[in-house]
């Protein structure tokens, strides 16, 4: 069955990020989520991302959110220019 799905901006960004991070298609992720929600696919509560399981990455503390940079540098300026002279190495 084909269907259209309209996502909010934050959900769309989270879906794109997860697809890019995992290398799976957005469609695959959505099918899996619907299947789990409807009980068609067993939910694996013990399933952990391999990087989290190996201790390479900490699990997220909050749900996905799109972070916007707060600092805007002028043309030709770098973050090193913002440090005091004593802080530069």
PDB file of N, CA and C in Angstrom:
ATOM      1  N   UNK A   1       0.838  -1.177   0.000  1.00  0.00           N
ATOM      2  CA  UNK A   1       0.000   0.000   0.000  1.00  0.00           C
ATOM      3  C   UNK A   1       0.884   1.242   0.000  1.00  0.00           C
ATOM      4  N   UNK A   2       0.562   2.168  -0.829  1.00  0.00           N
ATOM      5  CA  UNK A   2       1.281   3.439  -0.862  1.00  0.00           C
ATOM      6  C   UNK A   2       0.467   4.472  -0.086  1.00  0.00           C
ATOM      7  N   UNK A   3       1.172   5.342   0.615  1.00  0.00           N
ATOM      8  CA  UNK A   3       0.497   6.390   1.374  1.00  0.00           C
ATOM      9  C   UNK A   3       1.400   7.612   1.441  1.00  0.00           C
ATOM     10  N   UNK A   4       0.806   8.748   1.720  1.00  0.00           N
ATOM     11  CA  UNK A   4       1.568   9.985   1.929  1.00  0.00           C
ATOM     12  C   UNK A   4       1.618  10.264   3.417  1.00  0.00           C
ATOM     13  N   UNK A   5       2.731  10.772   3.870  1.00  0.00           N
ATOM     14  CA  UNK A   5       2.909  11.073   5.282  1.00  0.00           C
ATOM     15  C   UNK A   5       3.510  12.462   5.399  1.00  0.00           C
ATOM     16  N   UNK A   6       2.862  13.302   6.144  1.00  0.00           N
ATOM     17  CA  UNK A   6       3.386  14.655   6.361  1.00  0.00           C
ATOM     18  C   UNK A   6       3.975  14.715   7.770  1.00  0.00           C
ATOM     19  N   UNK A   7       5.252  15.025   7.829  1.00  0.00           N
ATOM     20  CA  UNK A   7       5.960  15.107   9.100  1.00  0.00           C
ATOM     21  C   UNK A   7       6.212  16.558   9.456  1.00  0.00           C
ATOM     22  N   UNK A   8       6.279  16.831  10.744  1.00  0.00           N
ATOM     23  CA  UNK A   8       6.691  18.151  11.202  1.00  0.00           C
ATOM     24  C   UNK A   8       8.172  18.344  10.924  1.00  0.00           C
ATOM     25  N   UNK A   9       8.613  19.569  10.985  1.00  0.00           N
ATOM     26  CA  UNK A   9      10.011  19.884  10.672  1.00  0.00           C
ATOM     27  C   UNK A   9      11.013  19.136  11.514  1.00  0.00           C
ATOM     28  N   UNK A  10      10.749  19.038  12.815  1.00  0.00           N
ATOM     29  CA  UNK A  10      11.698  18.366  13.709  1.00  0.00           C
ATOM     30  C   UNK A  10      11.727  16.862  13.431  1.00  0.00           C
ATOM     31  N   UNK A  11      10.549  16.264  13.184  1.00  0.00           N
ATOM     32  CA  UNK A  11      10.499  14.829  12.881  1.00  0.00           C
ATOM     33  C   UNK A  11      11.186  14.543  11.549  1.00  0.00           C
ATOM     34  N   UNK A  12      11.004  15.428  10.587  1.00  0.00           N
ATOM     35  CA  UNK A  12      11.652  15.250   9.283  1.00  0.00           C
ATOM     36  C   UNK A  12      13.169  15.295   9.424  1.00  0.00           C
ATOM     37  N   UNK A  13      13.659  16.266  10.186  1.00  0.00           N
ATOM     38  CA  UNK A  13      15.105  16.392  10.385  1.00  0.00           C
ATOM     39  C   UNK A  13      15.660  15.174  11.121  1.00  0.00           C
ATOM     40  N   UNK A  14      14.917  14.686  12.119  1.00  0.00           N
ATOM     41  CA  UNK A  14      15.366  13.513  12.871  1.00  0.00           C
ATOM     42  C   UNK A  14      15.398  12.278  11.981  1.00  0.00           C
ATOM     43  N   UNK A  15      14.388  12.132  11.126  1.00  0.00           N
ATOM     44  CA  UNK A  15      14.340  10.991  10.211  1.00  0.00           C
ATOM     45  C   UNK A  15      15.497  11.032   9.220  1.00  0.00           C
ATOM     46  N   UNK A  16      15.767  12.204   8.670  1.00  0.00           N
ATOM     47  CA  UNK A  16      16.889  12.346   7.732  1.00  0.00           C
ATOM     48  C   UNK A  16      18.218  12.021   8.423  1.00  0.00           C
ATOM     49  N   UNK A  17      18.385  12.534   9.629  1.00  0.00           N
ATOM     50  CA  UNK A  17      19.630  12.308  10.362  1.00  0.00           C
ATOM     51  C   UNK A  17      19.818  10.825  10.682  1.00  0.00           C
ATOM     52  N   UNK A  18      18.733  10.152  11.083  1.00  0.00           N
ATOM     53  CA  UNK A  18      18.831   8.723  11.407  1.00  0.00           C
ATOM     54  C   UNK A  18      19.132   7.910  10.157  1.00  0.00           C
ATOM     55  N   UNK A  19      18.514   8.263   9.035  1.00  0.00           N
ATOM     56  CA  UNK A  19      18.774   7.549   7.785  1.00  0.00           C
ATOM     57  C   UNK A  19      20.231   7.712   7.371  1.00  0.00           C
ATOM     58  N   UNK A  20      20.743   8.927   7.499  1.00  0.00           N
ATOM     59  CA  UNK A  20      22.141   9.181   7.139  1.00  0.00           C
ATOM     60  C   UNK A  20      23.089   8.465   8.098  1.00  0.00           C
ATOM     61  N   UNK A  21      22.761   8.503   9.392  1.00  0.00           N
ATOM     62  CA  UNK A  21      23.618   7.886  10.400  1.00  0.00           C
ATOM     63  C   UNK A  21      23.690   6.373  10.234  1.00  0.00           C
ATOM     64  N   UNK A  22      22.557   5.741   9.913  1.00  0.00           N
ATOM     65  CA  UNK A  22      22.511   4.284   9.849  1.00  0.00           C
ATOM     66  C   UNK A  22      22.720   3.727   8.446  1.00  0.00           C
ATOM     67  N   UNK A  23      22.617   4.587   7.425  1.00  0.00           N
ATOM     68  CA  UNK A  23      22.756   4.109   6.058  1.00  0.00           C
ATOM     69  C   UNK A  23      21.505   3.405   5.546  1.00  0.00           C
ATOM     70  N   UNK A  24      20.413   3.500   6.281  1.00  0.00           N
ATOM     71  CA  UNK A  24      19.146   2.907   5.843  1.00  0.00           C
ATOM     72  C   UNK A  24      18.289   3.982   5.195  1.00  0.00           C
ATOM     73  N   UNK A  25      17.340   3.568   4.372  1.00  0.00           N
ATOM     74  CA  UNK A  25      16.459   4.532   3.732  1.00  0.00           C
ATOM     75  C   UNK A  25      15.438   5.040   4.747  1.00  0.00           C
ATOM     76  N   UNK A  26      14.922   6.229   4.487  1.00  0.00           N
ATOM     77  CA  UNK A  26      13.884   6.783   5.346  1.00  0.00           C
ATOM     78  C   UNK A  26      12.657   5.876   5.324  1.00  0.00           C
ATOM     79  N   UNK A  27      12.368   5.334   4.165  1.00  0.00           N
ATOM     80  CA  UNK A  27      11.221   4.439   4.020  1.00  0.00           C
ATOM     81  C   UNK A  27      11.382   3.200   4.912  1.00  0.00           C
ATOM     82  N   UNK A  28      12.575   2.640   4.947  1.00  0.00           N
ATOM     83  CA  UNK A  28      12.836   1.464   5.783  1.00  0.00           C
ATOM     84  C   UNK A  28      12.619   1.794   7.259  1.00  0.00           C
ATOM     85  N   UNK A  29      13.113   2.937   7.684  1.00  0.00           N
ATOM     86  CA  UNK A  29      12.973   3.345   9.081  1.00  0.00           C
ATOM     87  C   UNK A  29      11.504   3.526   9.436  1.00  0.00           C
ATOM     88  N   UNK A  30      10.737   4.161   8.540  1.00  0.00           N
ATOM     89  CA  UNK A  30       9.315   4.368   8.798  1.00  0.00           C
ATOM     90  C   UNK A  30       8.547   3.047   8.827  1.00  0.00           C
ATOM     91  N   UNK A  31       8.844   2.140   7.902  1.00  0.00           N
ATOM     92  CA  UNK A  31       8.178   0.831   7.904  1.00  0.00           C
ATOM     93  C   UNK A  31       8.439   0.089   9.213  1.00  0.00           C
ATOM     94  N   UNK A  32       9.689   0.122   9.663  1.00  0.00           N
ATOM     95  CA  UNK A  32      10.043  -0.549  10.910  1.00  0.00           C
ATOM     96  C   UNK A  32       9.321   0.080  12.095  1.00  0.00           C
ATOM     97  N   UNK A  33       9.250   1.404  12.133  1.00  0.00           N
ATOM     98  CA  UNK A  33       8.583   2.093  13.238  1.00  0.00           C
ATOM     99  C   UNK A  33       7.092   1.763  13.277  1.00  0.00           C
ATOM    100  N   UNK A  34       6.442   1.755  12.126  1.00  0.00           N
ATOM    101  CA  UNK A  34       5.014   1.423  12.066  1.00  0.00           C
ATOM    102  C   UNK A  34       4.806  -0.030  12.461  1.00  0.00           C
ATOM    103  N   UNK A  35       5.657  -0.914  11.971  1.00  0.00           N
ATOM    104  CA  UNK A  35       5.548  -2.326  12.325  1.00  0.00           C
ATOM    105  C   UNK A  35       5.682  -2.564  13.812  1.00  0.00           C
ATOM    106  N   UNK A  36       6.632  -1.884  14.450  1.00  0.00           N
ATOM    107  CA  UNK A  36       6.809  -2.031  15.892  1.00  0.00           C
ATOM    108  C   UNK A  36       5.612  -1.454  16.646  1.00  0.00           C
ATOM    109  N   UNK A  37       5.128  -0.297  16.207  1.00  0.00           N
ATOM    110  CA  UNK A  37       3.990   0.345  16.868  1.00  0.00           C
ATOM    111  C   UNK A  37       2.755  -0.542  16.813  1.00  0.00           C
ATOM    112  N   UNK A  38       2.538  -1.200  15.686  1.00  0.00           N
ATOM    113  CA  UNK A  38       1.370  -2.053  15.509  1.00  0.00           C
ATOM    114  C   UNK A  38       1.580  -3.462  16.056  1.00  0.00           C
ATOM    115  N   UNK A  39       2.754  -3.762  16.562  1.00  0.00           N
ATOM    116  CA  UNK A  39       3.030  -5.067  17.121  1.00  0.00           C
ATOM    117  C   UNK A  39       3.310  -6.135  16.077  1.00  0.00           C
ATOM    118  N   UNK A  40       3.578  -5.717  14.849  1.00  0.00           N
ATOM    119  CA  UNK A  40       3.874  -6.661  13.778  1.00  0.00           C
ATOM    120  C   UNK A  40       5.331  -7.091  13.797  1.00  0.00           C
ATOM    121  N   UNK A  41       6.162  -6.267  14.378  1.00  0.00           N
ATOM    122  CA  UNK A  41       7.586  -6.564  14.524  1.00  0.00           C
ATOM    123  C   UNK A  41       7.874  -6.545  16.019  1.00  0.00           C
ATOM    124  N   UNK A  42       8.445  -7.595  16.556  1.00  0.00           N
ATOM    125  CA  UNK A  42       8.734  -7.583  17.991  1.00  0.00           C
ATOM    126  C   UNK A  42       9.676  -6.442  18.343  1.00  0.00           C
ATOM    127  N   UNK A  43       9.316  -5.703  19.357  1.00  0.00           N
ATOM    128  CA  UNK A  43      10.165  -4.614  19.829  1.00  0.00           C
ATOM    129  C   UNK A  43      11.310  -5.208  20.632  1.00  0.00           C
ATOM    130  N   UNK A  44      12.493  -4.852  20.282  1.00  0.00           N
ATOM    131  CA  UNK A  44      13.673  -5.368  20.981  1.00  0.00           C
ATOM    132  C   UNK A  44      14.154  -4.318  21.972  1.00  0.00           C
ATOM    133  N   UNK A  45      13.603  -4.367  23.170  1.00  0.00           N
ATOM    134  CA  UNK A  45      13.979  -3.387  24.190  1.00  0.00           C
ATOM    135  C   UNK A  45      15.462  -3.491  24.520  1.00  0.00           C
ATOM    136  N   UNK A  46      16.025  -4.696  24.339  1.00  0.00           N
ATOM    137  CA  UNK A  46      17.432  -4.874  24.664  1.00  0.00           C
ATOM    138  C   UNK A  46      18.344  -4.550  23.480  1.00  0.00           C
ATOM    139  N   UNK A  47      17.752  -4.161  22.322  1.00  0.00           N
ATOM    140  CA  UNK A  47      18.572  -3.813  21.162  1.00  0.00           C
ATOM    141  C   UNK A  47      19.274  -2.483  21.431  1.00  0.00           C
ATOM    142  N   UNK A  48      20.563  -2.504  21.328  1.00  0.00           N
ATOM    143  CA  UNK A  48      21.357  -1.309  21.569  1.00  0.00           C
ATOM    144  C   UNK A  48      22.261  -1.096  20.366  1.00  0.00           C
ATOM    145  N   UNK A  49      22.422   0.142  19.990  1.00  0.00           N
ATOM    146  CA  UNK A  49      23.336   0.477  18.903  1.00  0.00           C
ATOM    147  C   UNK A  49      24.697  -0.127  19.224  1.00  0.00           C
ATOM    148  N   UNK A  50      25.344  -0.753  18.240  1.00  0.00           N
ATOM    149  CA  UNK A  50      26.642  -1.409  18.508  1.00  0.00           C
ATOM    150  C   UNK A  50      27.692  -0.478  19.102  1.00  0.00           C
ATOM    151  N   UNK A  51      27.700   0.779  18.693  1.00  0.00           N
ATOM    152  CA  UNK A  51      28.689   1.715  19.246  1.00  0.00           C
ATOM    153  C   UNK A  51      28.405   2.023  20.713  1.00  0.00           C
ATOM    154  N   UNK A  52      27.120   2.083  21.065  1.00  0.00           N
ATOM    155  CA  UNK A  52      26.763   2.299  22.469  1.00  0.00           C
ATOM    156  C   UNK A  52      27.134   1.061  23.275  1.00  0.00           C
ATOM    157  N   UNK A  53      26.841  -0.112  22.729  1.00  0.00           N
ATOM    158  CA  UNK A  53      27.140  -1.364  23.427  1.00  0.00           C
ATOM    159  C   UNK A  53      28.628  -1.516  23.705  1.00  0.00           C
ATOM    160  N   UNK A  54      29.481  -1.043  22.783  1.00  0.00           N
ATOM    161  CA  UNK A  54      30.933  -1.146  22.970  1.00  0.00           C
ATOM    162  C   UNK A  54      31.508  -0.018  23.807  1.00  0.00           C
ATOM    163  N   UNK A  55      30.661   0.927  24.212  1.00  0.00           N
ATOM    164  CA  UNK A  55      31.130   2.039  25.029  1.00  0.00           C
ATOM    165  C   UNK A  55      31.844   3.120  24.240  1.00  0.00           C
ATOM    166  N   UNK A  56      31.732   3.074  22.909  1.00  0.00           N
ATOM    167  CA  UNK A  56      32.385   4.094  22.075  1.00  0.00           C
ATOM    168  C   UNK A  56      31.588   5.396  22.062  1.00  0.00           C
ATOM    169  N   UNK A  57      30.265   5.279  22.220  1.00  0.00           N
ATOM    170  CA  UNK A  57      29.377   6.437  22.168  1.00  0.00           C
ATOM    171  C   UNK A  57      28.398   6.350  23.326  1.00  0.00           C
ATOM    172  N   UNK A  58      28.130   7.473  23.956  1.00  0.00           N
ATOM    173  CA  UNK A  58      27.146   7.490  25.046  1.00  0.00           C
ATOM    174  C   UNK A  58      25.739   7.544  24.453  1.00  0.00           C
ATOM    175  N   UNK A  59      24.772   6.919  25.090  1.00  0.00           N
ATOM    176  CA  UNK A  59      23.399   6.991  24.582  1.00  0.00           C
ATOM    177  C   UNK A  59      22.868   8.416  24.701  1.00  0.00           C
ATOM    178  N   UNK A  60      21.912   8.796  23.868  1.00  0.00           N
ATOM    179  CA  UNK A  60      21.391  10.156  23.928  1.00  0.00           C
ATOM    180  C   UNK A  60      20.658  10.409  25.247  1.00  0.00           C
ATOM    181  N   UNK A  61      20.821  11.610  25.781  1.00  0.00           N
ATOM    182  CA  UNK A  61      20.127  11.976  27.019  1.00  0.00           C
ATOM    183  C   UNK A  61      18.779  12.614  26.731  1.00  0.00           C
ATOM    184  N   UNK A  62      18.648  13.195  25.550  1.00  0.00           N
ATOM    185  CA  UNK A  62      17.392  13.832  25.148  1.00  0.00           C
ATOM    186  C   UNK A  62      17.063  13.393  23.725  1.00  0.00           C
ATOM    187  N   UNK A  63      15.806  13.476  23.315  1.00  0.00           N
ATOM    188  CA  UNK A  63      15.459  13.128  21.935  1.00  0.00           C
ATOM    189  C   UNK A  63      16.158  14.053  20.936  1.00  0.00           C
ATOM    190  N   UNK A  64      16.155  13.644  19.678  1.00  0.00           N
ATOM    191  CA  UNK A  64      16.794  14.438  18.636  1.00  0.00           C
ATOM    192  C   UNK A  64      16.253  15.857  18.630  1.00  0.00           C
ATOM    193  N   UNK A  65      17.126  16.802  18.456  1.00  0.00           N
ATOM    194  CA  UNK A  65      16.717  18.191  18.226  1.00  0.00           C
ATOM    195  C   UNK A  65      17.737  18.836  17.313  1.00  0.00           C
ATOM    196  N   UNK A  66      17.255  19.677  16.458  1.00  0.00           N
ATOM    197  CA  UNK A  66      18.123  20.357  15.505  1.00  0.00           C
ATOM    198  C   UNK A  66      18.746  21.554  16.210  1.00  0.00           C
ATOM    199  N   UNK A  67      20.051  21.570  16.299  1.00  0.00           N
ATOM    200  CA  UNK A  67      20.749  22.633  17.012  1.00  0.00           C
ATOM    201  C   UNK A  67      21.244  23.664  16.012  1.00  0.00           C
ATOM    202  N   UNK A  68      20.938  24.895  16.264  1.00  0.00           N
ATOM    203  CA  UNK A  68      21.390  26.001  15.416  1.00  0.00           C
ATOM    204  C   UNK A  68      22.603  26.663  16.073  1.00  0.00           C
ATOM    205  N   UNK A  69      23.617  27.016  15.291  1.00  0.00           N
ATOM    206  CA  UNK A  69      24.778  27.688  15.887  1.00  0.00           C
ATOM    207  C   UNK A  69      24.376  29.059  16.441  1.00  0.00           C
ATOM    208  N   UNK A  70      24.928  29.379  17.608  1.00  0.00           N
ATOM    209  CA  UNK A  70      24.614  30.671  18.233  1.00  0.00           C
ATOM    210  C   UNK A  70      25.619  31.747  17.867  1.00  0.00           C
ATOM    211  N   UNK A  71      26.790  31.335  17.462  1.00  0.00           N
ATOM    212  CA  UNK A  71      27.859  32.282  17.181  1.00  0.00           C
ATOM    213  C   UNK A  71      28.097  32.342  15.681  1.00  0.00           C
ATOM    214  N   UNK A  72      28.133  33.535  15.159  1.00  0.00           N
ATOM    215  CA  UNK A  72      28.406  33.714  13.737  1.00  0.00           C
ATOM    216  C   UNK A  72      29.691  34.519  13.591  1.00  0.00           C
ATOM    217  N   UNK A  73      30.665  33.943  12.941  1.00  0.00           N
ATOM    218  CA  UNK A  73      31.958  34.585  12.755  1.00  0.00           C
ATOM    219  C   UNK A  73      31.936  35.416  11.476  1.00  0.00           C
ATOM    220  N   UNK A  74      32.657  36.510  11.514  1.00  0.00           N
ATOM    221  CA  UNK A  74      32.791  37.365  10.336  1.00  0.00           C
ATOM    222  C   UNK A  74      33.649  36.675   9.290  1.00  0.00           C
ATOM    223  N   UNK A  75      33.573  37.132   8.070  1.00  0.00           N
ATOM    224  CA  UNK A  75      34.368  36.583   6.976  1.00  0.00           C
ATOM    225  C   UNK A  75      35.854  36.668   7.332  1.00  0.00           C
ATOM    226  N   UNK A  76      36.556  35.554   7.281  1.00  0.00           N
ATOM    227  CA  UNK A  76      37.982  35.514   7.564  1.00  0.00           C
ATOM    228  C   UNK A  76      38.329  35.379   9.036  1.00  0.00           C
ATOM    229  N   UNK A  77      37.338  35.385   9.911  1.00  0.00           N
ATOM    230  CA  UNK A  77      37.561  35.252  11.350  1.00  0.00           C
ATOM    231  C   UNK A  77      37.407  33.782  11.736  1.00  0.00           C
ATOM    232  N   UNK A  78      38.251  33.317  12.662  1.00  0.00           N
ATOM    233  CA  UNK A  78      38.133  31.940  13.136  1.00  0.00           C
ATOM    234  C   UNK A  78      37.888  31.964  14.640  1.00  0.00           C
ATOM    235  N   UNK A  79      37.509  30.826  15.190  1.00  0.00           N
ATOM    236  CA  UNK A  79      37.271  30.754  16.623  1.00  0.00           C
ATOM    237  C   UNK A  79      38.562  31.016  17.405  1.00  0.00           C
ATOM    238  N   UNK A  80      39.703  30.764  16.790  1.00  0.00           N
ATOM    239  CA  UNK A  80      40.984  31.052  17.436  1.00  0.00           C
ATOM    240  C   UNK A  80      41.141  32.548  17.684  1.00  0.00           C
ATOM    241  N   UNK A  81      40.581  33.371  16.804  1.00  0.00           N
ATOM    242  CA  UNK A  81      40.656  34.825  16.975  1.00  0.00           C
ATOM    243  C   UNK A  81      39.890  35.294  18.206  1.00  0.00           C
ATOM    244  N   UNK A  82      38.958  34.489  18.711  1.00  0.00           N
ATOM    245  CA  UNK A  82      38.155  34.868  19.869  1.00  0.00           C
ATOM    246  C   UNK A  82      38.860  34.601  21.187  1.00  0.00           C
ATOM    247  N   UNK A  83      39.912  33.787  21.161  1.00  0.00           N
ATOM    248  CA  UNK A  83      40.633  33.457  22.387  1.00  0.00           C
ATOM    249  C   UNK A  83      41.607  34.568  22.768  1.00  0.00           C
ATOM    250  N   UNK A  84      41.859  34.680  24.056  1.00  0.00           N
ATOM    251  CA  UNK A  84      42.872  35.629  24.534  1.00  0.00           C
ATOM    252  C   UNK A  84      44.228  35.151  24.059  1.00  0.00           C
ATOM    253  N   UNK A  85      45.177  36.020  23.977  1.00  0.00           N
ATOM    254  CA  UNK A  85      46.522  35.681  23.529  1.00  0.00           C
ATOM    255  C   UNK A  85      47.120  34.557  24.376  1.00  0.00           C
ATOM    256  N   UNK A  86      46.877  34.565  25.695  1.00  0.00           N
ATOM    257  CA  UNK A  86      47.445  33.541  26.572  1.00  0.00           C
ATOM    258  C   UNK A  86      46.851  32.169  26.332  1.00  0.00           C
ATOM    259  N   UNK A  87      45.640  32.115  25.728  1.00  0.00           N
ATOM    260  CA  UNK A  87      44.963  30.843  25.503  1.00  0.00           C
ATOM    261  C   UNK A  87      45.424  30.163  24.225  1.00  0.00           C
ATOM    262  N   UNK A  88      46.077  30.880  23.351  1.00  0.00           N
ATOM    263  CA  UNK A  88      46.491  30.305  22.066  1.00  0.00           C
ATOM    264  C   UNK A  88      47.694  29.411  22.255  1.00  0.00           C
ATOM    265  N   UNK A  89      47.664  28.276  21.561  1.00  0.00           N
ATOM    266  CA  UNK A  89      48.838  27.389  21.633  1.00  0.00           C
ATOM    267  C   UNK A  89      49.256  27.010  20.251  1.00  0.00           C
TER     268      UNK A  89
END
